[in-house]
Amino acid sequence: MPAWIELVEPGVPGVLAAIPTEARAVLVPLLLSSGYHDRVDLPAAVAATRPGTARAAVLGPDPLLAVALADRLAEAGSRPEDAVVLAAAGSSDPDAVASVRVQAGLLAAELAARTGRAVPVTVGFGSAAEPDVRTAVTAARAGSERVAVAPYLLAPGFFADRLAGVGADVVAAPLGAHPAVAELVARRASTAG
């Protein structure tokens, strides 16, 4: 059953409370990195409504996300010679920022495997971390004629909409319901403890 952490209903506490007590509950956070929601909000919701709920790890970083990101870039018309900026929403949590940088390395490895050449992948953030996406695109352009943006976002919305104006030649779609993302969610659910 889908549930949201904030702003949209149904919320996590209500959904957890509605699960019959005899059923096993597994919470799979559809978050790309660990941060406040994963470490504070979700544990509090579980403790308040359904202690004993199995919790899976957040989705990223993971090689399957690199597959999805590379596919989204290809679908958008990115070329093998393009520099790539992985555009994340951003976080003030240093571990979350570091995990985005790890994902950028995984994407670079995936693109290199597909193209047979090193593809520069840098990181830009929508908020709360540096560099911002526009600055990252400008820096990437200094070393490449074309720049493609790979949104490290699960769905369209505020941050995805802002990417059209960052000066890139190509902006891919968010990850969405890509088969690799679905596979990763299933894996996280099956290994939740």
N, C-alpha and C. Protein backbone atom coordinates (compact mmCIF):
# COMPACT_ATOMS: atom_id res chain seq x y z
N MET A 1 0.83 -1.17 0.00
CA MET A 1 0.00 0.00 0.00
C MET A 1 0.88 1.24 0.00
N PRO A 2 0.62 2.20 -0.84
CA PRO A 2 1.43 3.41 -0.85
C PRO A 2 1.10 4.30 0.34
N ALA A 3 2.12 4.98 0.84
CA ALA A 3 1.96 5.95 1.92
C ALA A 3 3.00 7.04 1.74
N TRP A 4 2.71 8.22 2.27
CA TRP A 4 3.60 9.35 2.12
C TRP A 4 4.10 9.82 3.48
N ILE A 5 5.31 10.38 3.49
CA ILE A 5 5.92 10.85 4.73
C ILE A 5 5.29 12.17 5.16
N GLU A 6 5.05 13.05 4.20
CA GLU A 6 4.48 14.36 4.53
C GLU A 6 3.77 14.93 3.32
N LEU A 7 2.92 15.88 3.56
CA LEU A 7 2.23 16.69 2.56
C LEU A 7 1.11 15.99 1.80
N VAL A 8 1.16 14.68 1.66
CA VAL A 8 0.16 13.96 0.88
C VAL A 8 -0.41 12.83 1.74
N GLU A 9 -1.67 12.58 1.58
CA GLU A 9 -2.32 11.47 2.30
C GLU A 9 -2.52 10.31 1.34
N PRO A 10 -2.53 9.08 1.82
CA PRO A 10 -2.46 8.70 3.23
C PRO A 10 -1.02 8.73 3.74
N GLY A 11 -0.89 9.08 5.00
CA GLY A 11 0.42 9.14 5.63
C GLY A 11 0.87 7.77 6.10
N VAL A 12 2.15 7.64 6.35
CA VAL A 12 2.72 6.37 6.80
C VAL A 12 2.06 5.86 8.07
N PRO A 13 1.85 6.69 9.11
CA PRO A 13 1.23 6.15 10.33
C PRO A 13 -0.15 5.55 10.08
N GLY A 14 -0.96 6.21 9.29
CA GLY A 14 -2.31 5.70 9.02
C GLY A 14 -2.30 4.39 8.26
N VAL A 15 -1.42 4.28 7.29
CA VAL A 15 -1.34 3.05 6.51
C VAL A 15 -0.82 1.91 7.37
N LEU A 16 0.21 2.17 8.17
CA LEU A 16 0.73 1.12 9.05
C LEU A 16 -0.33 0.65 10.04
N ALA A 17 -1.07 1.59 10.59
CA ALA A 17 -2.10 1.24 11.57
C ALA A 17 -3.23 0.42 10.96
N ALA A 18 -3.45 0.58 9.66
CA ALA A 18 -4.54 -0.15 8.99
C ALA A 18 -4.18 -1.58 8.62
N ILE A 19 -2.91 -1.95 8.71
CA ILE A 19 -2.49 -3.31 8.36
C ILE A 19 -2.89 -4.25 9.50
N PRO A 20 -3.59 -5.33 9.19
CA PRO A 20 -4.00 -6.26 10.26
C PRO A 20 -2.80 -6.73 11.08
N THR A 21 -2.99 -6.84 12.37
CA THR A 21 -1.88 -7.18 13.26
C THR A 21 -1.28 -8.54 12.97
N GLU A 22 -2.07 -9.46 12.41
CA GLU A 22 -1.53 -10.80 12.11
C GLU A 22 -0.73 -10.83 10.81
N ALA A 23 -0.78 -9.76 10.03
CA ALA A 23 -0.03 -9.70 8.76
C ALA A 23 1.36 -9.13 9.00
N ARG A 24 2.30 -9.60 8.22
CA ARG A 24 3.66 -9.05 8.28
C ARG A 24 3.67 -7.73 7.52
N ALA A 25 4.23 -6.70 8.12
CA ALA A 25 4.33 -5.40 7.49
C ALA A 25 5.78 -5.13 7.13
N VAL A 26 5.99 -4.66 5.91
CA VAL A 26 7.33 -4.30 5.44
C VAL A 26 7.25 -2.88 4.89
N LEU A 27 8.10 -2.02 5.39
CA LEU A 27 8.16 -0.64 4.94
C LEU A 27 9.37 -0.48 4.04
N VAL A 28 9.13 -0.13 2.78
CA VAL A 28 10.21 0.11 1.82
C VAL A 28 10.22 1.61 1.51
N PRO A 29 11.20 2.34 2.05
CA PRO A 29 11.24 3.78 1.79
C PRO A 29 11.67 4.07 0.35
N LEU A 30 10.82 4.74 -0.38
CA LEU A 30 11.18 5.13 -1.74
C LEU A 30 11.94 6.45 -1.67
N LEU A 31 13.12 6.33 -1.07
CA LEU A 31 14.04 7.45 -0.90
C LEU A 31 15.35 7.07 -1.56
N LEU A 32 15.99 8.04 -2.20
CA LEU A 32 17.22 7.73 -2.91
C LEU A 32 18.46 7.79 -2.02
N SER A 33 18.34 8.39 -0.85
CA SER A 33 19.44 8.39 0.11
C SER A 33 18.87 8.46 1.51
N SER A 34 19.69 8.07 2.44
CA SER A 34 19.28 8.11 3.84
C SER A 34 19.48 9.51 4.38
N GLY A 35 18.52 9.98 5.13
CA GLY A 35 18.60 11.31 5.73
C GLY A 35 17.55 11.39 6.83
N TYR A 36 17.06 12.57 7.06
CA TYR A 36 16.13 12.82 8.16
C TYR A 36 14.89 11.94 8.08
N HIS A 37 14.28 11.86 6.91
CA HIS A 37 13.05 11.05 6.78
C HIS A 37 13.32 9.59 7.13
N ASP A 38 14.44 9.07 6.64
CA ASP A 38 14.76 7.67 6.88
C ASP A 38 15.18 7.40 8.32
N ARG A 39 15.93 8.32 8.89
CA ARG A 39 16.47 8.08 10.23
C ARG A 39 15.58 8.57 11.36
N VAL A 40 14.66 9.51 11.09
CA VAL A 40 13.83 10.07 12.15
C VAL A 40 12.34 9.84 11.90
N ASP A 41 11.83 10.35 10.79
CA ASP A 41 10.39 10.29 10.54
C ASP A 41 9.85 8.87 10.46
N LEU A 42 10.49 8.03 9.66
CA LEU A 42 9.98 6.67 9.48
C LEU A 42 10.09 5.82 10.76
N PRO A 43 11.22 5.84 11.47
CA PRO A 43 11.26 5.10 12.74
C PRO A 43 10.21 5.58 13.74
N ALA A 44 9.96 6.89 13.77
CA ALA A 44 8.94 7.42 14.69
C ALA A 44 7.56 6.92 14.30
N ALA A 45 7.26 6.89 13.01
CA ALA A 45 5.96 6.40 12.56
C ALA A 45 5.78 4.93 12.89
N VAL A 46 6.82 4.14 12.70
CA VAL A 46 6.76 2.71 13.02
C VAL A 46 6.58 2.52 14.52
N ALA A 47 7.37 3.22 15.32
CA ALA A 47 7.29 3.07 16.78
C ALA A 47 5.92 3.48 17.31
N ALA A 48 5.32 4.50 16.72
CA ALA A 48 4.04 4.99 17.21
C ALA A 48 2.85 4.16 16.76
N THR A 49 2.98 3.47 15.64
CA THR A 49 1.80 2.79 15.09
C THR A 49 1.93 1.29 14.92
N ARG A 50 3.11 0.81 14.61
CA ARG A 50 3.24 -0.62 14.31
C ARG A 50 4.65 -1.10 14.62
N PRO A 51 5.03 -1.15 15.91
CA PRO A 51 6.36 -1.67 16.24
C PRO A 51 6.52 -3.08 15.67
N GLY A 52 7.70 -3.39 15.27
CA GLY A 52 7.94 -4.71 14.69
C GLY A 52 7.83 -4.73 13.19
N THR A 53 7.45 -3.62 12.59
CA THR A 53 7.41 -3.54 11.13
C THR A 53 8.82 -3.70 10.58
N ALA A 54 8.98 -4.55 9.60
CA ALA A 54 10.29 -4.71 8.95
C ALA A 54 10.56 -3.47 8.11
N ARG A 55 11.77 -2.95 8.20
CA ARG A 55 12.14 -1.78 7.42
C ARG A 55 13.26 -2.12 6.46
N ALA A 56 13.03 -1.78 5.21
CA ALA A 56 14.05 -1.99 4.17
C ALA A 56 14.97 -0.79 4.12
N ALA A 57 16.09 -0.98 3.48
CA ALA A 57 17.03 0.12 3.25
C ALA A 57 16.48 1.05 2.17
N VAL A 58 16.95 2.30 2.19
CA VAL A 58 16.60 3.23 1.12
C VAL A 58 17.13 2.68 -0.20
N LEU A 59 16.70 3.25 -1.30
CA LEU A 59 17.04 2.70 -2.61
C LEU A 59 18.49 2.95 -3.04
N GLY A 60 19.02 4.11 -2.68
CA GLY A 60 20.34 4.41 -3.22
C GLY A 60 21.41 4.50 -2.17
N PRO A 61 22.62 4.50 -2.64
CA PRO A 61 23.05 4.28 -4.02
C PRO A 61 22.99 2.80 -4.39
N ASP A 62 22.82 2.51 -5.67
CA ASP A 62 22.73 1.13 -6.12
C ASP A 62 23.00 1.05 -7.62
N PRO A 63 23.67 -0.01 -8.08
CA PRO A 63 23.92 -0.17 -9.52
C PRO A 63 22.63 -0.22 -10.35
N LEU A 64 21.55 -0.73 -9.80
CA LEU A 64 20.30 -0.75 -10.57
C LEU A 64 19.80 0.67 -10.87
N LEU A 65 20.04 1.60 -9.96
CA LEU A 65 19.66 2.98 -10.24
C LEU A 65 20.53 3.55 -11.35
N ALA A 66 21.79 3.14 -11.41
CA ALA A 66 22.67 3.57 -12.51
C ALA A 66 22.13 3.07 -13.85
N VAL A 67 21.63 1.86 -13.88
CA VAL A 67 21.02 1.32 -15.11
C VAL A 67 19.84 2.18 -15.53
N ALA A 68 18.97 2.49 -14.58
CA ALA A 68 17.79 3.30 -14.89
C ALA A 68 18.19 4.71 -15.34
N LEU A 69 19.14 5.30 -14.65
CA LEU A 69 19.61 6.64 -15.03
C LEU A 69 20.20 6.64 -16.44
N ALA A 70 21.02 5.65 -16.76
CA ALA A 70 21.62 5.57 -18.09
C ALA A 70 20.55 5.38 -19.16
N ASP A 71 19.56 4.56 -18.88
CA ASP A 71 18.46 4.38 -19.83
C ASP A 71 17.69 5.68 -20.05
N ARG A 72 17.41 6.40 -18.97
CA ARG A 72 16.69 7.68 -19.09
C ARG A 72 17.51 8.68 -19.92
N LEU A 73 18.82 8.70 -19.72
CA LEU A 73 19.67 9.57 -20.54
C LEU A 73 19.59 9.20 -22.01
N ALA A 74 19.67 7.91 -22.31
CA ALA A 74 19.60 7.45 -23.70
C ALA A 74 18.24 7.81 -24.32
N GLU A 75 17.17 7.61 -23.56
CA GLU A 75 15.83 7.94 -24.06
C GLU A 75 15.71 9.43 -24.39
N ALA A 76 16.42 10.27 -23.64
CA ALA A 76 16.34 11.73 -23.84
C ALA A 76 17.23 12.22 -24.98
N GLY A 77 18.08 11.33 -25.50
CA GLY A 77 18.95 11.72 -26.62
C GLY A 77 20.36 12.08 -26.23
N SER A 78 20.78 11.69 -25.04
CA SER A 78 22.16 11.93 -24.65
C SER A 78 23.10 11.15 -25.57
N ARG A 79 24.26 11.73 -25.82
CA ARG A 79 25.26 11.11 -26.69
C ARG A 79 26.43 10.60 -25.84
N PRO A 80 27.17 9.63 -26.35
CA PRO A 80 28.31 9.10 -25.58
C PRO A 80 29.35 10.15 -25.20
N GLU A 81 29.48 11.20 -25.99
CA GLU A 81 30.49 12.23 -25.69
C GLU A 81 30.00 13.29 -24.70
N ASP A 82 28.73 13.25 -24.31
CA ASP A 82 28.19 14.23 -23.38
C ASP A 82 28.79 14.09 -21.98
N ALA A 83 29.09 15.23 -21.37
CA ALA A 83 29.36 15.23 -19.93
C ALA A 83 28.00 15.10 -19.25
N VAL A 84 27.96 14.48 -18.08
CA VAL A 84 26.70 14.23 -17.40
C VAL A 84 26.74 14.85 -16.01
N VAL A 85 25.63 15.50 -15.67
CA VAL A 85 25.44 16.01 -14.32
C VAL A 85 24.30 15.22 -13.69
N LEU A 86 24.59 14.57 -12.58
CA LEU A 86 23.57 13.88 -11.80
C LEU A 86 22.93 14.94 -10.91
N ALA A 87 21.66 15.25 -11.15
CA ALA A 87 20.97 16.32 -10.44
C ALA A 87 20.09 15.74 -9.34
N ALA A 88 20.47 15.98 -8.10
CA ALA A 88 19.73 15.49 -6.94
C ALA A 88 19.00 16.64 -6.27
N ALA A 89 17.96 16.32 -5.52
CA ALA A 89 17.20 17.35 -4.82
C ALA A 89 18.08 18.10 -3.83
N GLY A 90 18.92 17.38 -3.11
CA GLY A 90 19.82 17.99 -2.15
C GLY A 90 19.43 17.68 -0.73
N SER A 91 20.39 17.84 0.16
CA SER A 91 20.19 17.57 1.58
C SER A 91 21.25 18.29 2.38
N SER A 92 20.92 18.64 3.60
CA SER A 92 21.93 19.21 4.49
C SER A 92 22.68 18.10 5.24
N ASP A 93 22.26 16.87 5.04
CA ASP A 93 22.89 15.72 5.70
C ASP A 93 24.14 15.30 4.90
N PRO A 94 25.32 15.36 5.50
CA PRO A 94 26.54 15.02 4.75
C PRO A 94 26.55 13.59 4.22
N ASP A 95 25.94 12.65 4.94
CA ASP A 95 25.89 11.27 4.46
C ASP A 95 25.02 11.15 3.21
N ALA A 96 23.92 11.89 3.19
CA ALA A 96 23.05 11.87 2.01
C ALA A 96 23.77 12.46 0.80
N VAL A 97 24.49 13.55 1.01
CA VAL A 97 25.26 14.17 -0.07
C VAL A 97 26.33 13.20 -0.57
N ALA A 98 27.01 12.53 0.36
CA ALA A 98 28.04 11.56 -0.02
C ALA A 98 27.45 10.41 -0.81
N SER A 99 26.25 9.96 -0.45
CA SER A 99 25.64 8.84 -1.17
C SER A 99 25.28 9.23 -2.60
N VAL A 100 24.93 10.49 -2.83
CA VAL A 100 24.67 10.96 -4.20
C VAL A 100 25.97 10.91 -5.00
N ARG A 101 27.06 11.26 -4.39
CA ARG A 101 28.35 11.21 -5.08
C ARG A 101 28.74 9.75 -5.41
N VAL A 102 28.41 8.83 -4.52
CA VAL A 102 28.64 7.41 -4.81
C VAL A 102 27.79 6.99 -6.01
N GLN A 103 26.53 7.44 -6.05
CA GLN A 103 25.66 7.10 -7.18
C GLN A 103 26.22 7.68 -8.47
N ALA A 104 26.80 8.86 -8.42
CA ALA A 104 27.43 9.43 -9.62
C ALA A 104 28.54 8.53 -10.13
N GLY A 105 29.33 7.96 -9.22
CA GLY A 105 30.38 7.02 -9.62
C GLY A 105 29.81 5.76 -10.25
N LEU A 106 28.71 5.28 -9.70
CA LEU A 106 28.06 4.09 -10.28
C LEU A 106 27.51 4.40 -11.67
N LEU A 107 26.95 5.60 -11.84
CA LEU A 107 26.46 6.00 -13.17
C LEU A 107 27.62 6.12 -14.15
N ALA A 108 28.73 6.70 -13.73
CA ALA A 108 29.90 6.81 -14.61
C ALA A 108 30.37 5.43 -15.05
N ALA A 109 30.38 4.47 -14.13
CA ALA A 109 30.79 3.11 -14.48
C ALA A 109 29.82 2.47 -15.46
N GLU A 110 28.53 2.68 -15.25
CA GLU A 110 27.51 2.12 -16.16
C GLU A 110 27.65 2.73 -17.56
N LEU A 111 27.83 4.04 -17.62
CA LEU A 111 27.97 4.70 -18.93
C LEU A 111 29.26 4.26 -19.62
N ALA A 112 30.32 4.09 -18.87
CA ALA A 112 31.59 3.61 -19.46
C ALA A 112 31.43 2.20 -20.01
N ALA A 113 30.70 1.36 -19.30
CA ALA A 113 30.47 0.00 -19.78
C ALA A 113 29.66 0.00 -21.07
N ARG A 114 28.73 0.93 -21.19
CA ARG A 114 27.89 1.00 -22.38
C ARG A 114 28.60 1.63 -23.57
N THR A 115 29.45 2.63 -23.32
CA THR A 115 30.05 3.38 -24.41
C THR A 115 31.49 2.97 -24.73
N GLY A 116 32.13 2.27 -23.79
CA GLY A 116 33.52 1.90 -24.00
C GLY A 116 34.49 3.06 -23.77
N ARG A 117 34.00 4.12 -23.17
CA ARG A 117 34.86 5.27 -22.89
C ARG A 117 34.47 5.89 -21.56
N ALA A 118 35.40 6.60 -20.97
CA ALA A 118 35.11 7.29 -19.71
C ALA A 118 34.13 8.42 -19.97
N VAL A 119 33.09 8.49 -19.16
CA VAL A 119 32.09 9.55 -19.27
C VAL A 119 32.15 10.35 -17.97
N PRO A 120 32.47 11.63 -18.06
CA PRO A 120 32.53 12.43 -16.83
C PRO A 120 31.13 12.63 -16.25
N VAL A 121 30.96 12.25 -14.98
CA VAL A 121 29.69 12.46 -14.28
C VAL A 121 29.99 13.25 -13.03
N THR A 122 29.37 14.41 -12.92
CA THR A 122 29.50 15.25 -11.74
C THR A 122 28.14 15.37 -11.08
N VAL A 123 28.09 16.05 -9.96
CA VAL A 123 26.86 16.15 -9.19
C VAL A 123 26.46 17.61 -9.03
N GLY A 124 25.15 17.86 -9.09
CA GLY A 124 24.58 19.17 -8.78
C GLY A 124 23.35 18.96 -7.93
N PHE A 125 23.05 19.94 -7.08
CA PHE A 125 21.93 19.80 -6.14
C PHE A 125 20.90 20.90 -6.36
N GLY A 126 19.66 20.57 -6.14
CA GLY A 126 18.56 21.53 -6.25
C GLY A 126 18.51 22.48 -5.07
N SER A 127 18.95 22.01 -3.91
CA SER A 127 18.95 22.86 -2.71
C SER A 127 19.84 22.23 -1.64
N ALA A 128 20.19 23.01 -0.65
CA ALA A 128 20.82 22.57 0.59
C ALA A 128 22.23 22.00 0.46
N ALA A 129 22.77 21.89 -0.73
CA ALA A 129 24.12 21.36 -0.90
C ALA A 129 24.74 22.03 -2.13
N GLU A 130 26.04 21.97 -2.21
CA GLU A 130 26.78 22.60 -3.31
C GLU A 130 27.51 21.54 -4.11
N PRO A 131 27.68 21.79 -5.41
CA PRO A 131 27.23 22.94 -6.18
C PRO A 131 25.76 22.79 -6.57
N ASP A 132 25.14 23.91 -6.90
CA ASP A 132 23.79 23.81 -7.43
C ASP A 132 23.87 23.27 -8.85
N VAL A 133 22.76 22.84 -9.39
CA VAL A 133 22.76 22.16 -10.70
C VAL A 133 23.27 23.09 -11.80
N ARG A 134 22.84 24.33 -11.81
CA ARG A 134 23.29 25.26 -12.87
C ARG A 134 24.81 25.42 -12.84
N THR A 135 25.38 25.56 -11.65
CA THR A 135 26.83 25.68 -11.52
C THR A 135 27.53 24.42 -12.00
N ALA A 136 26.96 23.26 -11.67
CA ALA A 136 27.55 21.99 -12.11
C ALA A 136 27.50 21.86 -13.63
N VAL A 137 26.41 22.30 -14.25
CA VAL A 137 26.29 22.25 -15.72
C VAL A 137 27.32 23.18 -16.34
N THR A 138 27.47 24.38 -15.81
CA THR A 138 28.45 25.33 -16.33
C THR A 138 29.86 24.76 -16.24
N ALA A 139 30.19 24.16 -15.11
CA ALA A 139 31.52 23.56 -14.93
C ALA A 139 31.73 22.39 -15.89
N ALA A 140 30.70 21.57 -16.08
CA ALA A 140 30.81 20.42 -16.99
C ALA A 140 31.00 20.89 -18.43
N ARG A 141 30.37 21.99 -18.79
CA ARG A 141 30.49 22.51 -20.15
C ARG A 141 31.91 22.97 -20.45
N ALA A 142 32.66 23.34 -19.44
CA ALA A 142 34.06 23.77 -19.65
C ALA A 142 34.90 22.65 -20.23
N GLY A 143 34.50 21.40 -20.00
CA GLY A 143 35.28 20.28 -20.51
C GLY A 143 34.58 19.47 -21.58
N SER A 144 33.40 19.90 -21.99
CA SER A 144 32.64 19.12 -22.97
C SER A 144 31.74 20.05 -23.78
N GLU A 145 31.59 19.73 -25.04
CA GLU A 145 30.72 20.55 -25.90
C GLU A 145 29.26 20.46 -25.50
N ARG A 146 28.85 19.27 -25.07
CA ARG A 146 27.45 19.06 -24.68
C ARG A 146 27.38 18.53 -23.24
N VAL A 147 26.26 18.89 -22.56
CA VAL A 147 26.04 18.44 -21.20
C VAL A 147 24.63 17.88 -21.10
N ALA A 148 24.53 16.71 -20.47
CA ALA A 148 23.23 16.08 -20.22
C ALA A 148 23.00 16.02 -18.71
N VAL A 149 21.76 16.25 -18.32
CA VAL A 149 21.39 16.17 -16.91
C VAL A 149 20.59 14.90 -16.69
N ALA A 150 21.02 14.12 -15.70
CA ALA A 150 20.30 12.92 -15.27
C ALA A 150 19.65 13.22 -13.93
N PRO A 151 18.33 13.43 -13.92
CA PRO A 151 17.67 13.73 -12.64
C PRO A 151 17.70 12.52 -11.71
N TYR A 152 18.30 12.71 -10.55
CA TYR A 152 18.31 11.67 -9.52
C TYR A 152 17.08 11.90 -8.66
N LEU A 153 15.94 11.74 -9.32
CA LEU A 153 14.63 11.98 -8.74
C LEU A 153 13.72 10.83 -9.15
N LEU A 154 12.81 10.47 -8.27
CA LEU A 154 11.89 9.38 -8.61
C LEU A 154 10.71 9.84 -9.46
N ALA A 155 10.28 11.08 -9.30
CA ALA A 155 9.06 11.51 -9.98
C ALA A 155 9.16 12.96 -10.43
N PRO A 156 8.29 13.34 -11.35
CA PRO A 156 8.23 14.75 -11.74
C PRO A 156 7.79 15.59 -10.54
N GLY A 157 8.04 16.87 -10.64
CA GLY A 157 7.64 17.78 -9.57
C GLY A 157 8.52 19.01 -9.58
N PHE A 158 8.57 19.69 -8.46
CA PHE A 158 9.25 20.98 -8.33
C PHE A 158 10.68 20.94 -8.83
N PHE A 159 11.51 20.03 -8.29
CA PHE A 159 12.92 19.99 -8.68
C PHE A 159 13.08 19.57 -10.14
N ALA A 160 12.32 18.61 -10.58
CA ALA A 160 12.41 18.17 -11.98
C ALA A 160 12.04 19.30 -12.93
N ASP A 161 11.01 20.05 -12.60
CA ASP A 161 10.58 21.16 -13.45
C ASP A 161 11.67 22.23 -13.58
N ARG A 162 12.41 22.46 -12.53
CA ARG A 162 13.46 23.49 -12.53
C ARG A 162 14.65 23.10 -13.42
N LEU A 163 14.81 21.84 -13.74
CA LEU A 163 15.97 21.39 -14.51
C LEU A 163 15.95 21.88 -15.96
N ALA A 164 14.79 22.19 -16.48
CA ALA A 164 14.70 22.68 -17.87
C ALA A 164 15.48 23.98 -18.05
N GLY A 165 15.67 24.74 -16.99
CA GLY A 165 16.32 26.04 -17.10
C GLY A 165 17.75 26.10 -16.62
N VAL A 166 18.44 24.96 -16.54
CA VAL A 166 19.81 24.98 -16.00
C VAL A 166 20.89 25.09 -17.07
N GLY A 167 20.51 25.14 -18.34
CA GLY A 167 21.48 25.33 -19.40
C GLY A 167 22.07 24.06 -20.01
N ALA A 168 21.46 22.91 -19.73
CA ALA A 168 21.95 21.66 -20.31
C ALA A 168 21.39 21.47 -21.72
N ASP A 169 22.08 20.66 -22.50
CA ASP A 169 21.60 20.34 -23.85
C ASP A 169 20.52 19.27 -23.82
N VAL A 170 20.60 18.40 -22.83
CA VAL A 170 19.66 17.30 -22.67
C VAL A 170 19.29 17.19 -21.20
N VAL A 171 18.00 17.06 -20.93
CA VAL A 171 17.53 16.78 -19.56
C VAL A 171 16.67 15.54 -19.64
N ALA A 172 17.11 14.49 -18.99
CA ALA A 172 16.36 13.23 -19.00
C ALA A 172 15.15 13.31 -18.09
N ALA A 173 14.29 12.33 -18.20
CA ALA A 173 13.12 12.22 -17.32
C ALA A 173 13.56 11.64 -15.97
N PRO A 174 12.77 11.91 -14.93
CA PRO A 174 13.04 11.25 -13.64
C PRO A 174 12.96 9.73 -13.77
N LEU A 175 13.46 9.05 -12.77
CA LEU A 175 13.53 7.58 -12.81
C LEU A 175 12.18 6.93 -13.01
N GLY A 176 11.16 7.38 -12.29
CA GLY A 176 9.80 6.86 -12.46
C GLY A 176 9.71 5.36 -12.25
N ALA A 177 8.86 4.75 -13.01
CA ALA A 177 8.58 3.32 -12.88
C ALA A 177 9.48 2.48 -13.78
N HIS A 178 10.72 2.86 -13.89
CA HIS A 178 11.67 2.10 -14.70
C HIS A 178 11.77 0.67 -14.14
N PRO A 179 11.88 -0.34 -15.00
CA PRO A 179 11.96 -1.73 -14.52
C PRO A 179 13.09 -1.97 -13.51
N ALA A 180 14.23 -1.29 -13.66
CA ALA A 180 15.33 -1.48 -12.71
C ALA A 180 14.95 -0.93 -11.33
N VAL A 181 14.19 0.16 -11.30
CA VAL A 181 13.73 0.71 -10.02
C VAL A 181 12.75 -0.26 -9.37
N ALA A 182 11.84 -0.81 -10.17
CA ALA A 182 10.89 -1.79 -9.64
C ALA A 182 11.61 -3.01 -9.09
N GLU A 183 12.63 -3.47 -9.80
CA GLU A 183 13.41 -4.62 -9.33
C GLU A 183 14.11 -4.29 -8.01
N LEU A 184 14.64 -3.09 -7.91
CA LEU A 184 15.32 -2.68 -6.69
C LEU A 184 14.35 -2.62 -5.51
N VAL A 185 13.17 -2.08 -5.73
CA VAL A 185 12.16 -2.04 -4.66
C VAL A 185 11.82 -3.45 -4.20
N ALA A 186 11.65 -4.36 -5.15
CA ALA A 186 11.34 -5.75 -4.78
C ALA A 186 12.49 -6.38 -3.99
N ARG A 187 13.71 -6.10 -4.40
CA ARG A 187 14.87 -6.63 -3.67
C ARG A 187 14.92 -6.08 -2.25
N ARG A 188 14.69 -4.77 -2.12
CA ARG A 188 14.71 -4.18 -0.78
C ARG A 188 13.63 -4.80 0.09
N ALA A 189 12.44 -5.01 -0.46
CA ALA A 189 11.34 -5.60 0.30
C ALA A 189 11.69 -7.02 0.75
N SER A 190 12.31 -7.79 -0.13
CA SER A 190 12.61 -9.19 0.18
C SER A 190 13.72 -9.34 1.21
N THR A 191 14.55 -8.31 1.36
CA THR A 191 15.67 -8.40 2.32
C THR A 191 15.44 -7.54 3.56
N ALA A 192 14.25 -6.97 3.71
CA ALA A 192 13.97 -6.11 4.86
C ALA A 192 14.06 -6.91 6.16
N GLY A 193 14.62 -6.26 7.17
CA GLY A 193 14.77 -6.96 8.44
C GLY A 193 14.02 -6.32 9.56
